[in-house]
Structure formats: C-alpha cells, structure tokens
C-alpha cells in the first residue's frame, strides 16, 4: 500500500512522502516519522521567525541611534555652546592719583593732568601753562592736597602738596579767572651735599612744609622742629669739626645744631636736631 503525506507550513510546501509496501503497521510508523519531521520543521520555522523579529528590532534601534542631526537651515548658526555676544565694558579713565580740596581752575587743571585728559588741559590752562604742566614728572607721589591760595599783584597763587612735600603752584590772573596762566613745580630733593641737604630742610621749615621736613629727617626731628621757634631770616649755616656731618645754624632768633648720619642722596639723612 502506498501512503502520501503532504505538510504545508507558512507559505512553504514541504512534501513528505513515505512509501511502505508492507503492512499497515509500517504505514503508521511512516506517518509517525513524518509527524516528527513536521514538528521539527515547525520548530525551526518558529525559531527563524523569532530571530528575524529580533534582528528587525536591533536594526530599528540601530537606525534610530544613528539618525543624523537635522541640517542647519540657511542663516542659522551651529555652535556647541551658543551664547549671546559679550558687550565690551568701557575702559576706566587713567587717573592714578587724587586731588583733595581746592577750587577751579587749578583743581580742574591738576585733575586733567592726573587723568591725562588733553581736552581738560586745553580748557583750564593757556598754552604756556599747559607746556609747564606736561613737563612735571610723573614718577612722584600723585596724592595731592590743597594747601592754600593767596593773591598778589593781580594774580592768585594756589598751592597743592603731595605726601613727600613736593608742591605745584598754579597762577591765575584776575582778568582771566577761569584759566591757569603759569605752573611751577617745587620738588622735594635729597642732595648729595650735606650743607645743601640741611638748607633744604631749613627752607621747608620756614615754609611750613611738614611733609618735606619729614621726608628729609624723621618723625622725631620733625616733631621737635614744629614745636620750636623757626630760625630768623638771614641765618648762617656753619660746618662743625666732627667725624659726622654737624651744622650749626645761628640767627637773630633761635640757634640749632643739625646732625646728619643718614646716607646723603636719600631720604631721612638728618638724624638729630637740637637747640644750641
């Protein structure tokens, strides 16, 4: 007897033909073998479908992660860290010093010089005074304090002083009170000559220039001088024989002895001041 078995699985036709020319028992054996093969085919196909589905899922994820960013449109800006453009801040005026007190136009002229303000210098000083102002060296103390103003012969003289006793004197004419016509610079010096050094101190003492006296001596010497009478005009300065610089200052008023043991050419060379 001949038995033909045909198995169809998802679009795929699988023909299993078993031929037995024996007994019916052989037919059932053939059928059982065909069934076993059919189950194996179904199992393989099901695994194949699962594998295909997994592959599609992985492929879909991969494509999603690899999607390129949208191309920028015309006129757009691509940047890693976009930010608004910074606005530059204005530069501060170059004013390294300070002016305390005083009045126009001398105060304004001094401030213009400190700030290197050419327009201000043009406004507050005439041509001659402007040139004199520009000639003042800037390697000095630039903290200026108003001292006083005084009039003489149709002019007003206003003095400003720095921490080391250097003076700037501004002259203003009565007929042109809004402009400075002359500038004088009286700088504190540290002479290498002992007598000149002593005379420089004496001139500061007579002019009540305490900062200059302090720069040439010490706090104790300056305190002694300001608490005693000044030498009278016409004083003499005489060197006394000694291993150190000692000068005797005599006048019609008080007499004093100066001792210089500090280094000449530098500040604080005068170390002692005593009455005779």
Foldseek 3Di string as FASTA:
>chain_A
DFDWDWDDDDNDTDTDGDGDPDDVVVVVVSVVVVVVVVVVVVVVVVVVVVVVVVVVVVVVVVCVVPDDDDDDDPPDDDDPDDDDDDDDDDDDFQQPEDEADDDPPVSQCLRCLRRVPPVSVVQAAPPAASVVSVPDDPPDARYKYWDDWDDDDQKIWTWIAGQQQKIKIFIAGNVGNRHTYHIDIRDQFFAQDPVVLVVSLLVCLVVVRLSNVCFAAHPVQSVVSVVDDRADPPWDWAFDDDPFTWIWIDHPDWIKIWTFPAHTRGTRRTYDIDTD
